[in-house]
Amino acid sequence: MNGSALHKTAAACAQELPGAQLEHPFGPAWEVFKVRGKVFMLMTEVPGRPVLILKADPDEAHALREQYSQITPGYHMNKKHWITLDSGEGVDKELVEELVTDSYRLVVAHLPKADAEAIEQLL
């Protein structure tokens, strides 16, 4: 998957998730997707390469980094809880959608109980 397709696929997936909102708090070069005010995905170019920055379970993040050369520690984020996904061979629509959805679910799981329950009912 190339960089353009990476961003398009991720954005389409994120926009379908209940309560997801797109913001640009860091300017037009950064697309930040949030649920109930909490970030679950960032899209930008690092340097000149389209990437996704996603929340991940620390154990799974480690396994993903070992399995995919396109997955590295989170760019400008906590390296234990965030990953960066670059385009390339082995990155397909299913992987992108799975990682975006997993990131979203991790964030929803840590929302206040009432917010999390409201979102879970929509899933």
C-alpha atoms as a PDB file:
ATOM      1  CA  MET A   1       0.000   0.000   0.000  1.00  0.00           C
ATOM      2  CA  ASN A   2       1.369   3.430  -0.894  1.00  0.00           C
ATOM      3  CA  GLY A   3       1.257   6.465   1.397  1.00  0.00           C
ATOM      4  CA  SER A   4      -1.767   8.067  -0.206  1.00  0.00           C
ATOM      5  CA  ALA A   5      -3.786   4.859   0.089  1.00  0.00           C
ATOM      6  CA  LEU A   6      -2.598   4.459   3.689  1.00  0.00           C
ATOM      7  CA  HIS A   7      -4.017   7.844   4.655  1.00  0.00           C
ATOM      8  CA  LYS A   8      -7.245   7.395   2.664  1.00  0.00           C
ATOM      9  CA  THR A   9      -7.904   3.940   4.111  1.00  0.00           C
ATOM     10  CA  ALA A  10      -7.211   5.046   7.678  1.00  0.00           C
ATOM     11  CA  ALA A  11      -9.307   8.206   7.402  1.00  0.00           C
ATOM     12  CA  ALA A  12     -12.247   6.287   5.915  1.00  0.00           C
ATOM     13  CA  CYS A  13     -12.084   3.719   8.706  1.00  0.00           C
ATOM     14  CA  ALA A  14     -11.781   6.360  11.455  1.00  0.00           C
ATOM     15  CA  GLN A  15     -14.681   8.396  10.114  1.00  0.00           C
ATOM     16  CA  GLU A  16     -16.976   5.359  10.376  1.00  0.00           C
ATOM     17  CA  LEU A  17     -16.260   4.858  14.084  1.00  0.00           C
ATOM     18  CA  PRO A  18     -18.967   6.186  16.447  1.00  0.00           C
ATOM     19  CA  GLY A  19     -18.145   9.585  17.897  1.00  0.00           C
ATOM     20  CA  ALA A  20     -14.905   9.989  15.947  1.00  0.00           C
ATOM     21  CA  GLN A  21     -14.032  13.568  15.086  1.00  0.00           C
ATOM     22  CA  LEU A  22     -11.328  15.035  12.863  1.00  0.00           C
ATOM     23  CA  GLU A  23      -9.449  18.062  14.159  1.00  0.00           C
ATOM     24  CA  HIS A  24      -6.372  20.044  13.110  1.00  0.00           C
ATOM     25  CA  PRO A  25      -4.936  21.336  16.430  1.00  0.00           C
ATOM     26  CA  PHE A  26      -1.366  21.324  15.099  1.00  0.00           C
ATOM     27  CA  GLY A  27      -2.126  22.933  11.738  1.00  0.00           C
ATOM     28  CA  PRO A  28      -3.180  21.535   8.366  1.00  0.00           C
ATOM     29  CA  ALA A  29      -0.256  19.093   8.115  1.00  0.00           C
ATOM     30  CA  TRP A  30      -1.617  17.028  11.017  1.00  0.00           C
ATOM     31  CA  GLU A  31      -4.990  15.287  10.925  1.00  0.00           C
ATOM     32  CA  VAL A  32      -5.946  14.261  14.452  1.00  0.00           C
ATOM     33  CA  PHE A  33      -8.819  11.878  15.071  1.00  0.00           C
ATOM     34  CA  LYS A  34     -10.400  11.925  18.518  1.00  0.00           C
ATOM     35  CA  VAL A  35     -13.230  10.225  20.352  1.00  0.00           C
ATOM     36  CA  ARG A  36     -14.775  12.203  23.224  1.00  0.00           C
ATOM     37  CA  GLY A  37     -11.787  14.567  23.104  1.00  0.00           C
ATOM     38  CA  LYS A  38      -9.132  11.825  23.332  1.00  0.00           C
ATOM     39  CA  VAL A  39      -6.708  11.179  20.456  1.00  0.00           C
ATOM     40  CA  PHE A  40      -6.720   7.744  18.856  1.00  0.00           C
ATOM     41  CA  MET A  41      -5.000   8.472  15.517  1.00  0.00           C
ATOM     42  CA  LEU A  42      -2.748  11.096  13.986  1.00  0.00           C
ATOM     43  CA  MET A  43      -1.945  11.349  10.277  1.00  0.00           C
ATOM     44  CA  THR A  44       0.943  13.379   8.904  1.00  0.00           C
ATOM     45  CA  GLU A  45       4.109  13.128   6.819  1.00  0.00           C
ATOM     46  CA  VAL A  46       7.438  12.322   8.470  1.00  0.00           C
ATOM     47  CA  PRO A  47       9.753  13.667   6.542  1.00  0.00           C
ATOM     48  CA  GLY A  48       7.736  13.564   3.371  1.00  0.00           C
ATOM     49  CA  ARG A  49       6.424  10.030   4.023  1.00  0.00           C
ATOM     50  CA  PRO A  50       2.744   9.630   4.920  1.00  0.00           C
ATOM     51  CA  VAL A  51       2.425   7.871   8.274  1.00  0.00           C
ATOM     52  CA  LEU A  52      -0.190   6.981  10.878  1.00  0.00           C
ATOM     53  CA  ILE A  53       0.430   7.269  14.594  1.00  0.00           C
ATOM     54  CA  LEU A  54      -1.824   4.948  16.588  1.00  0.00           C
ATOM     55  CA  LYS A  55      -2.338   3.863  20.180  1.00  0.00           C
ATOM     56  CA  ALA A  56      -1.446   0.208  20.819  1.00  0.00           C
ATOM     57  CA  ASP A  57      -1.343  -2.196  23.723  1.00  0.00           C
ATOM     58  CA  PRO A  58       2.345  -2.295  24.797  1.00  0.00           C
ATOM     59  CA  ASP A  59       2.703  -6.073  24.351  1.00  0.00           C
ATOM     60  CA  GLU A  60       0.986  -5.998  20.982  1.00  0.00           C
ATOM     61  CA  ALA A  61       3.013  -2.964  19.904  1.00  0.00           C
ATOM     62  CA  HIS A  62       6.215  -4.882  20.572  1.00  0.00           C
ATOM     63  CA  ALA A  63       4.978  -7.895  18.589  1.00  0.00           C
ATOM     64  CA  LEU A  64       3.843  -5.681  15.700  1.00  0.00           C
ATOM     65  CA  ARG A  65       7.249  -3.964  15.528  1.00  0.00           C
ATOM     66  CA  GLU A  66       8.915  -7.364  15.312  1.00  0.00           C
ATOM     67  CA  GLN A  67       6.508  -8.609  12.634  1.00  0.00           C
ATOM     68  CA  TYR A  68       6.369  -5.518  10.372  1.00  0.00           C
ATOM     69  CA  SER A  69       9.322  -3.361   9.361  1.00  0.00           C
ATOM     70  CA  GLN A  70       6.797  -0.575   8.604  1.00  0.00           C
ATOM     71  CA  ILE A  71       5.771  -0.357  12.276  1.00  0.00           C
ATOM     72  CA  THR A  72       8.049   1.628  14.562  1.00  0.00           C
ATOM     73  CA  PRO A  73       7.663   3.309  17.960  1.00  0.00           C
ATOM     74  CA  GLY A  74       5.228   6.242  18.023  1.00  0.00           C
ATOM     75  CA  TYR A  75       6.616   9.398  16.440  1.00  0.00           C
ATOM     76  CA  HIS A  76       6.696  12.177  19.077  1.00  0.00           C
ATOM     77  CA  MET A  77       4.525  10.019  21.353  1.00  0.00           C
ATOM     78  CA  ASN A  78       5.046   7.614  24.252  1.00  0.00           C
ATOM     79  CA  LYS A  79       7.059   4.829  22.611  1.00  0.00           C
ATOM     80  CA  LYS A  80       5.471   2.178  24.826  1.00  0.00           C
ATOM     81  CA  HIS A  81       1.835   2.982  24.043  1.00  0.00           C
ATOM     82  CA  TRP A  82       1.973   4.361  20.483  1.00  0.00           C
ATOM     83  CA  ILE A  83       3.156   3.030  17.132  1.00  0.00           C
ATOM     84  CA  THR A  84       3.910   4.647  13.793  1.00  0.00           C
ATOM     85  CA  LEU A  85       2.737   2.839  10.658  1.00  0.00           C
ATOM     86  CA  ASP A  86       4.487   3.608   7.390  1.00  0.00           C
ATOM     87  CA  SER A  87       3.304   2.489   3.965  1.00  0.00           C
ATOM     88  CA  GLY A  88       4.976  -0.356   2.130  1.00  0.00           C
ATOM     89  CA  GLU A  89       4.924  -4.027   1.324  1.00  0.00           C
ATOM     90  CA  GLY A  90       2.841  -6.090   3.717  1.00  0.00           C
ATOM     91  CA  VAL A  91       0.644  -3.155   4.718  1.00  0.00           C
ATOM     92  CA  ASP A  92      -2.860  -3.775   3.403  1.00  0.00           C
ATOM     93  CA  LYS A  93      -6.378  -2.487   3.988  1.00  0.00           C
ATOM     94  CA  GLU A  94      -7.163  -5.160   6.590  1.00  0.00           C
ATOM     95  CA  LEU A  95      -4.072  -4.329   8.678  1.00  0.00           C
ATOM     96  CA  VAL A  96      -4.759  -0.585   8.555  1.00  0.00           C
ATOM     97  CA  GLU A  97      -8.408  -1.013   9.526  1.00  0.00           C
ATOM     98  CA  GLU A  98      -7.497  -3.422  12.336  1.00  0.00           C
ATOM     99  CA  LEU A  99      -4.868  -1.067  13.801  1.00  0.00           C
ATOM    100  CA  VAL A 100      -7.136   1.996  13.554  1.00  0.00           C
ATOM    101  CA  THR A 101     -10.032   0.135  15.197  1.00  0.00           C
ATOM    102  CA  ASP A 102      -7.795  -1.309  17.922  1.00  0.00           C
ATOM    103  CA  SER A 103      -6.441   2.170  18.690  1.00  0.00           C
ATOM    104  CA  TYR A 104      -9.970   3.557  18.896  1.00  0.00           C
ATOM    105  CA  ARG A 105     -11.111   0.735  21.209  1.00  0.00           C
ATOM    106  CA  LEU A 106      -8.121   1.251  23.528  1.00  0.00           C
ATOM    107  CA  VAL A 107      -9.017   4.914  23.898  1.00  0.00           C
ATOM    108  CA  VAL A 108     -12.729   4.184  24.405  1.00  0.00           C
ATOM    109  CA  ALA A 109     -11.845   1.629  27.098  1.00  0.00           C
ATOM    110  CA  HIS A 110     -10.121   4.359  29.118  1.00  0.00           C
ATOM    111  CA  LEU A 111     -12.882   6.955  28.836  1.00  0.00           C
ATOM    112  CA  PRO A 112     -15.062   7.743  31.847  1.00  0.00           C
ATOM    113  CA  LYS A 113     -17.552   4.924  32.340  1.00  0.00           C
ATOM    114  CA  ALA A 114     -20.609   6.823  31.061  1.00  0.00           C
ATOM    115  CA  ASP A 115     -18.783   7.948  27.893  1.00  0.00           C
ATOM    116  CA  ALA A 116     -17.389   4.475  27.225  1.00  0.00           C
ATOM    117  CA  GLU A 117     -20.803   2.854  27.705  1.00  0.00           C
ATOM    118  CA  ALA A 118     -22.434   5.346  25.333  1.00  0.00           C
ATOM    119  CA  ILE A 119     -19.839   4.611  22.657  1.00  0.00           C
ATOM    120  CA  GLU A 120     -19.964   0.831  23.206  1.00  0.00           C
ATOM    121  CA  GLN A 121     -23.725   0.858  22.573  1.00  0.00           C
ATOM    122  CA  LEU A 122     -23.066   2.354  19.129  1.00  0.00           C
ATOM    123  CA  LEU A 123     -20.504  -0.272  18.122  1.00  0.00           C
END
